[in-house]
N, C-alpha and C. Protein backbone atom coordinates (compact mmCIF):
# COMPACT_ATOMS: atom_id res chain seq x y z
N MET A 1 0.84 -1.18 0.00
CA MET A 1 0.00 0.00 0.00
C MET A 1 0.88 1.24 0.00
N LYS A 2 0.65 2.11 -0.96
CA LYS A 2 1.40 3.36 -1.06
C LYS A 2 0.52 4.49 -0.57
N VAL A 3 1.07 5.30 0.32
CA VAL A 3 0.32 6.45 0.80
C VAL A 3 1.26 7.65 0.83
N VAL A 4 0.89 8.69 0.11
CA VAL A 4 1.62 9.96 0.13
C VAL A 4 0.59 11.03 0.44
N SER A 5 0.80 11.76 1.51
CA SER A 5 -0.15 12.78 1.93
C SER A 5 0.37 14.16 1.58
N GLU A 6 -0.52 15.00 1.13
CA GLU A 6 -0.18 16.39 0.86
C GLU A 6 -0.25 17.15 2.18
N VAL A 7 0.83 17.85 2.49
CA VAL A 7 0.89 18.60 3.75
C VAL A 7 1.15 20.06 3.42
N GLY A 8 0.32 20.94 3.92
CA GLY A 8 0.51 22.37 3.71
C GLY A 8 -0.21 22.89 2.49
N ASN A 9 -0.38 24.19 2.46
CA ASN A 9 -1.10 24.85 1.37
C ASN A 9 -0.25 25.05 0.13
N ASN A 10 1.07 24.92 0.25
CA ASN A 10 1.95 25.19 -0.88
C ASN A 10 2.32 23.94 -1.66
N SER A 11 1.82 22.77 -1.25
CA SER A 11 2.12 21.53 -1.96
C SER A 11 1.33 21.46 -3.26
N ASN A 12 1.98 20.99 -4.30
CA ASN A 12 1.33 20.82 -5.60
C ASN A 12 1.63 19.44 -6.13
N VAL A 13 0.59 18.65 -6.38
CA VAL A 13 0.75 17.36 -7.01
C VAL A 13 0.78 17.60 -8.51
N LEU A 14 1.88 17.22 -9.16
CA LEU A 14 2.05 17.46 -10.59
C LEU A 14 1.67 16.25 -11.43
N ALA A 15 1.79 15.04 -10.86
CA ALA A 15 1.45 13.84 -11.62
C ALA A 15 1.02 12.73 -10.67
N MET A 16 0.03 11.97 -11.13
CA MET A 16 -0.46 10.81 -10.38
C MET A 16 -0.60 9.64 -11.33
N GLU A 17 -0.42 8.43 -10.79
CA GLU A 17 -0.59 7.22 -11.58
C GLU A 17 -1.32 6.21 -10.72
N GLU A 18 -2.47 5.76 -11.20
CA GLU A 18 -3.30 4.79 -10.49
C GLU A 18 -3.60 5.25 -9.06
N GLY A 19 -3.87 6.53 -8.90
CA GLY A 19 -4.22 7.08 -7.60
C GLY A 19 -3.05 7.37 -6.69
N ASN A 20 -1.83 7.12 -7.14
CA ASN A 20 -0.63 7.38 -6.34
C ASN A 20 0.10 8.60 -6.88
N VAL A 21 0.59 9.41 -5.97
CA VAL A 21 1.36 10.59 -6.37
C VAL A 21 2.71 10.13 -6.91
N THR A 22 3.06 10.60 -8.09
CA THR A 22 4.37 10.26 -8.66
C THR A 22 5.30 11.47 -8.71
N ILE A 23 4.75 12.67 -8.84
CA ILE A 23 5.57 13.89 -8.79
C ILE A 23 4.81 14.96 -8.01
N ALA A 24 5.48 15.53 -7.01
CA ALA A 24 4.89 16.61 -6.23
C ALA A 24 5.99 17.60 -5.85
N VAL A 25 5.62 18.84 -5.70
CA VAL A 25 6.57 19.87 -5.28
C VAL A 25 5.96 20.66 -4.12
N ASN A 26 6.84 21.28 -3.34
CA ASN A 26 6.38 22.05 -2.19
C ASN A 26 7.35 23.20 -1.96
N GLN A 27 6.81 24.30 -1.52
CA GLN A 27 7.62 25.44 -1.10
C GLN A 27 7.26 25.76 0.34
N PHE A 28 8.29 25.94 1.16
CA PHE A 28 8.08 26.27 2.56
C PHE A 28 9.11 27.31 2.93
N GLY A 29 8.64 28.52 3.26
CA GLY A 29 9.58 29.61 3.53
C GLY A 29 10.38 29.88 2.27
N GLN A 30 11.71 29.83 2.39
CA GLN A 30 12.57 30.03 1.23
C GLN A 30 13.03 28.70 0.63
N GLY A 31 12.58 27.58 1.20
CA GLY A 31 12.99 26.27 0.72
C GLY A 31 12.03 25.67 -0.28
N ARG A 32 12.52 24.73 -1.05
CA ARG A 32 11.72 24.02 -2.04
C ARG A 32 12.05 22.53 -1.93
N SER A 33 11.05 21.70 -2.21
CA SER A 33 11.28 20.26 -2.22
C SER A 33 10.56 19.63 -3.40
N VAL A 34 11.09 18.50 -3.83
CA VAL A 34 10.52 17.74 -4.94
C VAL A 34 10.41 16.29 -4.52
N TYR A 35 9.27 15.67 -4.79
CA TYR A 35 9.06 14.25 -4.54
C TYR A 35 8.83 13.57 -5.89
N ILE A 36 9.61 12.54 -6.17
CA ILE A 36 9.47 11.78 -7.41
C ILE A 36 9.46 10.30 -7.05
N ALA A 37 8.50 9.54 -7.57
CA ALA A 37 8.41 8.11 -7.30
C ALA A 37 8.29 7.32 -8.60
N GLY A 38 8.96 6.18 -8.66
CA GLY A 38 8.81 5.27 -9.79
C GLY A 38 9.27 5.83 -11.11
N LEU A 39 10.35 6.57 -11.10
CA LEU A 39 10.84 7.21 -12.32
C LEU A 39 11.86 6.29 -13.00
N PRO A 40 11.47 5.64 -14.10
CA PRO A 40 12.43 4.77 -14.80
C PRO A 40 13.48 5.60 -15.52
N TYR A 41 14.62 4.99 -15.83
CA TYR A 41 15.68 5.72 -16.51
C TYR A 41 15.35 5.90 -17.99
N THR A 42 15.27 7.17 -18.40
CA THR A 42 15.19 7.56 -19.81
C THR A 42 15.90 8.91 -19.92
N ALA A 43 16.22 9.31 -21.15
CA ALA A 43 16.84 10.62 -21.35
C ALA A 43 15.90 11.73 -20.88
N GLU A 44 14.61 11.57 -21.15
CA GLU A 44 13.64 12.59 -20.75
C GLU A 44 13.54 12.67 -19.22
N ASN A 45 13.56 11.53 -18.53
CA ASN A 45 13.47 11.54 -17.07
C ASN A 45 14.74 12.07 -16.43
N THR A 46 15.88 11.85 -17.08
CA THR A 46 17.12 12.43 -16.59
C THR A 46 17.04 13.95 -16.66
N ARG A 47 16.46 14.45 -17.75
CA ARG A 47 16.25 15.89 -17.90
C ARG A 47 15.29 16.41 -16.82
N LEU A 48 14.23 15.65 -16.55
CA LEU A 48 13.28 16.03 -15.51
C LEU A 48 13.97 16.11 -14.15
N LEU A 49 14.80 15.13 -13.84
CA LEU A 49 15.53 15.13 -12.58
C LEU A 49 16.46 16.34 -12.48
N LEU A 50 17.14 16.66 -13.57
CA LEU A 50 18.01 17.83 -13.58
C LEU A 50 17.21 19.11 -13.33
N LEU A 51 16.07 19.24 -14.00
CA LEU A 51 15.21 20.40 -13.77
C LEU A 51 14.78 20.50 -12.31
N CYS A 52 14.42 19.36 -11.72
CA CYS A 52 13.99 19.33 -10.32
C CYS A 52 15.11 19.76 -9.38
N ILE A 53 16.32 19.31 -9.66
CA ILE A 53 17.46 19.69 -8.82
C ILE A 53 17.69 21.20 -8.88
N TYR A 54 17.72 21.76 -10.07
CA TYR A 54 17.91 23.20 -10.20
C TYR A 54 16.76 23.98 -9.57
N TRP A 55 15.52 23.52 -9.78
CA TRP A 55 14.38 24.22 -9.21
C TRP A 55 14.42 24.19 -7.69
N SER A 56 14.72 23.02 -7.11
CA SER A 56 14.73 22.91 -5.66
C SER A 56 15.84 23.75 -5.03
N ALA A 57 16.89 24.03 -5.80
CA ALA A 57 17.98 24.88 -5.31
C ALA A 57 17.76 26.35 -5.68
N SER A 58 16.61 26.68 -6.26
CA SER A 58 16.30 28.04 -6.71
C SER A 58 17.36 28.57 -7.67
N GLN A 59 17.84 27.71 -8.56
CA GLN A 59 18.89 28.07 -9.50
C GLN A 59 18.45 27.90 -10.95
N GLU A 60 17.19 28.18 -11.24
CA GLU A 60 16.67 28.01 -12.60
C GLU A 60 17.46 28.82 -13.62
N GLN A 61 17.85 30.04 -13.25
CA GLN A 61 18.59 30.89 -14.19
C GLN A 61 19.95 30.29 -14.52
N GLU A 62 20.59 29.68 -13.55
CA GLU A 62 21.88 29.03 -13.78
C GLU A 62 21.73 27.85 -14.75
N MET A 63 20.65 27.09 -14.59
CA MET A 63 20.40 25.95 -15.46
C MET A 63 20.20 26.41 -16.90
N ASN A 64 19.53 27.52 -17.09
CA ASN A 64 19.22 28.00 -18.44
C ASN A 64 20.46 28.36 -19.25
N LYS A 65 21.60 28.56 -18.61
CA LYS A 65 22.83 28.86 -19.33
C LYS A 65 23.26 27.67 -20.19
N TRP A 66 22.96 26.44 -19.75
CA TRP A 66 23.45 25.24 -20.41
C TRP A 66 22.33 24.35 -20.93
N PHE A 67 21.12 24.79 -20.84
CA PHE A 67 19.96 23.99 -21.21
C PHE A 67 19.84 23.84 -22.72
N THR A 68 19.55 22.63 -23.18
CA THR A 68 19.26 22.40 -24.60
C THR A 68 17.83 21.89 -24.71
N THR A 69 17.21 22.12 -25.84
CA THR A 69 15.83 21.66 -26.02
C THR A 69 15.75 20.17 -26.31
N ASN A 70 16.85 19.57 -26.73
CA ASN A 70 16.89 18.15 -27.04
C ASN A 70 17.44 17.39 -25.83
N PRO A 71 16.64 16.52 -25.18
CA PRO A 71 17.13 15.81 -23.99
C PRO A 71 18.23 14.80 -24.30
N ASN A 72 18.44 14.46 -25.57
CA ASN A 72 19.49 13.53 -25.95
C ASN A 72 20.82 14.22 -26.23
N MET A 73 20.87 15.52 -26.02
CA MET A 73 22.07 16.29 -26.31
C MET A 73 22.54 16.99 -25.05
N GLN A 74 23.87 17.04 -24.87
CA GLN A 74 24.44 17.80 -23.78
C GLN A 74 25.23 18.95 -24.35
N ARG A 75 25.29 20.01 -23.59
CA ARG A 75 26.01 21.21 -24.03
C ARG A 75 27.15 21.46 -23.05
N ILE A 76 28.33 21.69 -23.58
CA ILE A 76 29.48 21.98 -22.73
C ILE A 76 30.18 23.23 -23.26
N GLN A 77 30.97 23.83 -22.40
CA GLN A 77 31.78 24.97 -22.81
C GLN A 77 33.23 24.61 -22.56
N MET A 78 34.03 24.74 -23.59
CA MET A 78 35.45 24.42 -23.49
C MET A 78 36.23 25.72 -23.52
N GLN A 79 36.94 25.99 -22.45
CA GLN A 79 37.70 27.22 -22.35
C GLN A 79 39.19 26.90 -22.34
N ASP A 80 39.96 27.87 -22.72
CA ASP A 80 41.42 27.78 -22.62
C ASP A 80 42.00 26.54 -23.29
N LEU A 81 41.54 26.23 -24.50
CA LEU A 81 42.06 25.09 -25.22
C LEU A 81 43.42 25.37 -25.84
N LEU A 82 43.65 26.60 -26.17
CA LEU A 82 44.94 26.95 -26.81
C LEU A 82 45.91 27.51 -25.82
C-alpha cells in the first residue's frame, strides 16, 4: 500500500498514476522540495531530474545557461584550449 499525503497549502501534485502521487513539489519559507516516485531511466526523465534539482535549489537561471531543447544532447563549454 502506497500512501503519500499532501501537507501544507503550498504543496502541488504534478502527476499521479493509479491514484498514487508520482511527482509533487512544495515550497516552505525560502525552501523548495521535490518528490518523485517510480521514475524509470530515460533521457527525458534524466532531464526532468536535472530540472527538479535546479528548481529545488532556486537556480533556474543558472540551469538555463546550459539547457538544450533536445534531452538527448548535452552542451558543454570548453575554455582555454589553446
